[in-house]
Amino acid sequence: MAISSNKNNRPKREEHQKKKVKNKKSMRGESETPVSFSLTKTGANLIKQKSKELGISASAFLEQIARGEIQVDLAVSGEVKVDSGS
């Protein structure tokens, strides 16, 4: 059985060799889905900074923004103001 390689010259995994990703349950009882996206270094640092200030993970921070539980006001100056309602 021949194994083809990808652009980094690493052999591709056969179907039976692929890692199985289990969806873990969130605190809300829903399955979590892994996602990937790119940000500027500044954007990533701001998410990290603001989530740390709130004492939550970056994932929880983004989830709460998406659900409207945290209001974010992005000023033209680039300053981020976060109102978590507390």
N, C-alpha and C. Protein backbone atom coordinates (compact mmCIF):
# COMPACT_ATOMS: atom_id res chain seq x y z
N MET A 1 0.86 -1.17 0.00
CA MET A 1 0.00 0.00 0.00
C MET A 1 0.90 1.23 0.00
N ALA A 2 0.78 2.08 -0.99
CA ALA A 2 1.61 3.28 -1.10
C ALA A 2 1.01 4.40 -0.28
N ILE A 3 1.87 5.18 0.33
CA ILE A 3 1.44 6.32 1.12
C ILE A 3 1.88 7.57 0.38
N SER A 4 0.93 8.42 0.05
CA SER A 4 1.29 9.67 -0.63
C SER A 4 1.75 10.68 0.41
N SER A 5 2.39 11.74 -0.05
CA SER A 5 2.87 12.74 0.89
C SER A 5 2.24 14.08 0.59
N ASN A 6 2.29 14.94 1.58
CA ASN A 6 1.73 16.28 1.41
C ASN A 6 2.86 17.25 1.05
N LYS A 7 2.56 18.53 1.02
CA LYS A 7 3.53 19.53 0.56
C LYS A 7 4.76 19.64 1.46
N ASN A 8 4.66 19.17 2.70
CA ASN A 8 5.81 19.21 3.61
C ASN A 8 6.59 17.90 3.59
N ASN A 9 6.31 17.06 2.60
CA ASN A 9 6.97 15.77 2.44
C ASN A 9 6.77 14.84 3.63
N ARG A 10 5.70 15.05 4.35
CA ARG A 10 5.33 14.11 5.41
C ARG A 10 4.30 13.16 4.84
N PRO A 11 4.39 11.90 5.18
CA PRO A 11 3.39 10.96 4.66
C PRO A 11 2.00 11.30 5.17
N LYS A 12 1.01 11.20 4.30
CA LYS A 12 -0.37 11.42 4.73
C LYS A 12 -0.80 10.23 5.57
N ARG A 13 -1.64 10.49 6.53
CA ARG A 13 -2.15 9.41 7.36
C ARG A 13 -3.23 8.64 6.62
N GLU A 14 -3.19 7.36 6.78
CA GLU A 14 -4.28 6.53 6.26
C GLU A 14 -5.51 6.82 7.11
N GLU A 15 -6.68 6.53 6.58
CA GLU A 15 -7.94 6.82 7.28
C GLU A 15 -7.93 6.24 8.70
N HIS A 16 -7.43 5.02 8.86
CA HIS A 16 -7.44 4.39 10.18
C HIS A 16 -6.39 4.98 11.13
N GLN A 17 -5.46 5.79 10.60
CA GLN A 17 -4.42 6.39 11.42
C GLN A 17 -4.78 7.80 11.89
N LYS A 18 -5.82 8.38 11.32
CA LYS A 18 -6.16 9.77 11.65
C LYS A 18 -6.62 9.88 13.09
N LYS A 19 -6.22 10.98 13.71
CA LYS A 19 -6.62 11.23 15.08
C LYS A 19 -8.11 11.48 15.13
N LYS A 20 -8.74 10.90 16.10
CA LYS A 20 -10.17 11.13 16.28
C LYS A 20 -10.34 12.27 17.29
N VAL A 21 -11.06 13.30 16.90
CA VAL A 21 -11.29 14.44 17.77
C VAL A 21 -12.67 14.28 18.38
N LYS A 22 -12.68 14.18 19.69
CA LYS A 22 -13.96 14.07 20.39
C LYS A 22 -14.43 15.47 20.75
N ASN A 23 -15.69 15.73 20.51
CA ASN A 23 -16.25 17.01 20.92
C ASN A 23 -16.50 16.95 22.42
N LYS A 24 -15.89 17.88 23.15
CA LYS A 24 -16.12 17.91 24.58
C LYS A 24 -17.33 18.77 24.86
N LYS A 25 -17.92 18.57 26.00
CA LYS A 25 -19.10 19.33 26.40
C LYS A 25 -18.67 20.65 27.03
N SER A 26 -19.38 21.71 26.72
CA SER A 26 -19.10 23.00 27.31
C SER A 26 -19.83 23.09 28.65
N MET A 27 -19.60 24.18 29.34
CA MET A 27 -20.31 24.42 30.60
C MET A 27 -21.81 24.60 30.35
N ARG A 28 -22.17 24.86 29.11
CA ARG A 28 -23.57 25.05 28.75
C ARG A 28 -24.25 23.74 28.39
N GLY A 29 -23.48 22.64 28.39
CA GLY A 29 -24.04 21.34 28.07
C GLY A 29 -24.05 21.02 26.58
N GLU A 30 -23.56 21.91 25.76
CA GLU A 30 -23.50 21.69 24.31
C GLU A 30 -22.13 21.11 23.96
N SER A 31 -22.08 20.39 22.85
CA SER A 31 -20.79 19.93 22.35
C SER A 31 -20.01 21.13 21.82
N GLU A 32 -18.72 21.14 22.11
CA GLU A 32 -17.87 22.20 21.57
C GLU A 32 -17.23 21.71 20.28
N THR A 33 -17.12 22.60 19.32
CA THR A 33 -16.54 22.29 18.03
C THR A 33 -15.22 23.03 17.89
N PRO A 34 -14.14 22.33 17.62
CA PRO A 34 -12.86 23.03 17.42
C PRO A 34 -12.94 23.91 16.17
N VAL A 35 -12.46 25.14 16.29
CA VAL A 35 -12.42 26.06 15.16
C VAL A 35 -11.02 26.65 15.06
N SER A 36 -10.71 27.15 13.89
CA SER A 36 -9.40 27.76 13.68
C SER A 36 -9.58 28.98 12.80
N PHE A 37 -8.97 30.09 13.19
CA PHE A 37 -8.98 31.30 12.38
C PHE A 37 -7.74 32.09 12.69
N SER A 38 -7.42 33.01 11.82
CA SER A 38 -6.20 33.81 11.97
C SER A 38 -6.54 35.23 12.43
N LEU A 39 -5.70 35.76 13.30
CA LEU A 39 -5.83 37.12 13.80
C LEU A 39 -4.48 37.81 13.69
N THR A 40 -4.51 39.13 13.72
CA THR A 40 -3.26 39.85 13.85
C THR A 40 -2.72 39.60 15.26
N LYS A 41 -1.45 39.85 15.44
CA LYS A 41 -0.85 39.70 16.77
C LYS A 41 -1.56 40.61 17.77
N THR A 42 -1.89 41.83 17.33
CA THR A 42 -2.59 42.78 18.20
C THR A 42 -3.95 42.23 18.61
N GLY A 43 -4.70 41.72 17.65
CA GLY A 43 -6.02 41.17 17.96
C GLY A 43 -5.94 40.01 18.93
N ALA A 44 -5.00 39.11 18.70
CA ALA A 44 -4.83 37.96 19.59
C ALA A 44 -4.44 38.42 21.00
N ASN A 45 -3.55 39.40 21.09
CA ASN A 45 -3.14 39.92 22.39
C ASN A 45 -4.29 40.60 23.12
N LEU A 46 -5.13 41.34 22.38
CA LEU A 46 -6.28 41.99 23.01
C LEU A 46 -7.27 40.97 23.56
N ILE A 47 -7.52 39.91 22.81
CA ILE A 47 -8.43 38.86 23.29
C ILE A 47 -7.86 38.23 24.55
N LYS A 48 -6.57 37.93 24.52
CA LYS A 48 -5.91 37.33 25.67
C LYS A 48 -5.98 38.26 26.90
N GLN A 49 -5.70 39.54 26.67
CA GLN A 49 -5.69 40.54 27.75
C GLN A 49 -7.08 40.70 28.36
N LYS A 50 -8.08 40.88 27.52
CA LYS A 50 -9.43 41.13 28.02
C LYS A 50 -10.02 39.90 28.70
N SER A 51 -9.75 38.71 28.16
CA SER A 51 -10.27 37.50 28.80
C SER A 51 -9.60 37.29 30.15
N LYS A 52 -8.31 37.61 30.24
CA LYS A 52 -7.59 37.49 31.51
C LYS A 52 -8.16 38.46 32.54
N GLU A 53 -8.46 39.70 32.11
CA GLU A 53 -9.05 40.69 33.01
C GLU A 53 -10.38 40.20 33.58
N LEU A 54 -11.14 39.45 32.76
CA LEU A 54 -12.44 38.94 33.19
C LEU A 54 -12.33 37.60 33.92
N GLY A 55 -11.13 37.02 33.92
CA GLY A 55 -10.91 35.75 34.61
C GLY A 55 -11.51 34.55 33.89
N ILE A 56 -11.59 34.65 32.56
CA ILE A 56 -12.14 33.55 31.77
C ILE A 56 -11.18 33.22 30.63
N SER A 57 -11.39 32.09 30.00
CA SER A 57 -10.53 31.70 28.88
C SER A 57 -10.86 32.54 27.65
N ALA A 58 -9.94 32.55 26.70
CA ALA A 58 -10.18 33.26 25.45
C ALA A 58 -11.39 32.66 24.73
N SER A 59 -11.54 31.34 24.78
CA SER A 59 -12.69 30.68 24.16
C SER A 59 -14.00 31.13 24.79
N ALA A 60 -14.01 31.18 26.13
CA ALA A 60 -15.22 31.62 26.83
C ALA A 60 -15.53 33.08 26.51
N PHE A 61 -14.48 33.89 26.41
CA PHE A 61 -14.63 35.31 26.06
C PHE A 61 -15.30 35.47 24.70
N LEU A 62 -14.77 34.75 23.69
CA LEU A 62 -15.34 34.83 22.34
C LEU A 62 -16.76 34.27 22.30
N GLU A 63 -17.02 33.19 23.02
CA GLU A 63 -18.36 32.60 23.09
C GLU A 63 -19.36 33.61 23.65
N GLN A 64 -18.97 34.28 24.73
CA GLN A 64 -19.87 35.25 25.36
C GLN A 64 -20.10 36.47 24.47
N ILE A 65 -19.10 36.89 23.73
CA ILE A 65 -19.28 37.98 22.77
C ILE A 65 -20.27 37.54 21.69
N ALA A 66 -20.06 36.35 21.16
CA ALA A 66 -20.93 35.83 20.10
C ALA A 66 -22.38 35.72 20.55
N ARG A 67 -22.60 35.38 21.81
CA ARG A 67 -23.95 35.23 22.36
C ARG A 67 -24.55 36.56 22.83
N GLY A 68 -23.77 37.63 22.75
CA GLY A 68 -24.26 38.93 23.18
C GLY A 68 -24.23 39.12 24.69
N GLU A 69 -23.53 38.25 25.39
CA GLU A 69 -23.44 38.33 26.85
C GLU A 69 -22.37 39.33 27.29
N ILE A 70 -21.45 39.61 26.40
CA ILE A 70 -20.44 40.65 26.62
C ILE A 70 -20.57 41.62 25.46
N GLN A 71 -20.73 42.89 25.78
CA GLN A 71 -20.82 43.93 24.76
C GLN A 71 -19.44 44.50 24.52
N VAL A 72 -19.05 44.61 23.28
CA VAL A 72 -17.73 45.13 22.93
C VAL A 72 -17.92 46.38 22.08
N ASP A 73 -17.30 47.47 22.51
CA ASP A 73 -17.34 48.72 21.77
C ASP A 73 -15.96 48.95 21.19
N LEU A 74 -15.85 48.83 19.89
CA LEU A 74 -14.56 49.04 19.24
C LEU A 74 -14.48 50.48 18.76
N ALA A 75 -13.73 51.28 19.47
CA ALA A 75 -13.56 52.68 19.12
C ALA A 75 -12.61 52.80 17.94
N VAL A 76 -12.74 53.88 17.20
CA VAL A 76 -11.88 54.12 16.05
C VAL A 76 -10.42 54.20 16.47
N SER A 77 -10.17 54.63 17.69
CA SER A 77 -8.80 54.76 18.19
C SER A 77 -8.11 53.41 18.35
N GLY A 78 -8.88 52.34 18.29
CA GLY A 78 -8.31 51.01 18.48
C GLY A 78 -8.43 50.52 19.91
N GLU A 79 -8.87 51.39 20.81
CA GLU A 79 -9.04 50.98 22.20
C GLU A 79 -10.28 50.10 22.31
N VAL A 80 -10.16 49.02 23.05
CA VAL A 80 -11.28 48.10 23.21
C VAL A 80 -11.89 48.31 24.58
N LYS A 81 -13.20 48.54 24.60
CA LYS A 81 -13.93 48.68 25.85
C LYS A 81 -14.87 47.49 25.96
N VAL A 82 -14.79 46.82 27.09
CA VAL A 82 -15.61 45.63 27.30
C VAL A 82 -16.56 45.87 28.46
N ASP A 83 -17.85 45.60 28.24
CA ASP A 83 -18.85 45.69 29.30
C ASP A 83 -19.45 44.31 29.48
N SER A 84 -19.07 43.67 30.59
CA SER A 84 -19.56 42.31 30.83
C SER A 84 -20.83 42.33 31.66
N GLY A 85 -21.37 43.50 31.91
CA GLY A 85 -22.63 43.59 32.63
C GLY A 85 -22.50 43.40 34.12
N SER A 86 -21.27 43.33 34.64
CA SER A 86 -21.11 43.16 36.08
C SER A 86 -20.55 44.38 36.74
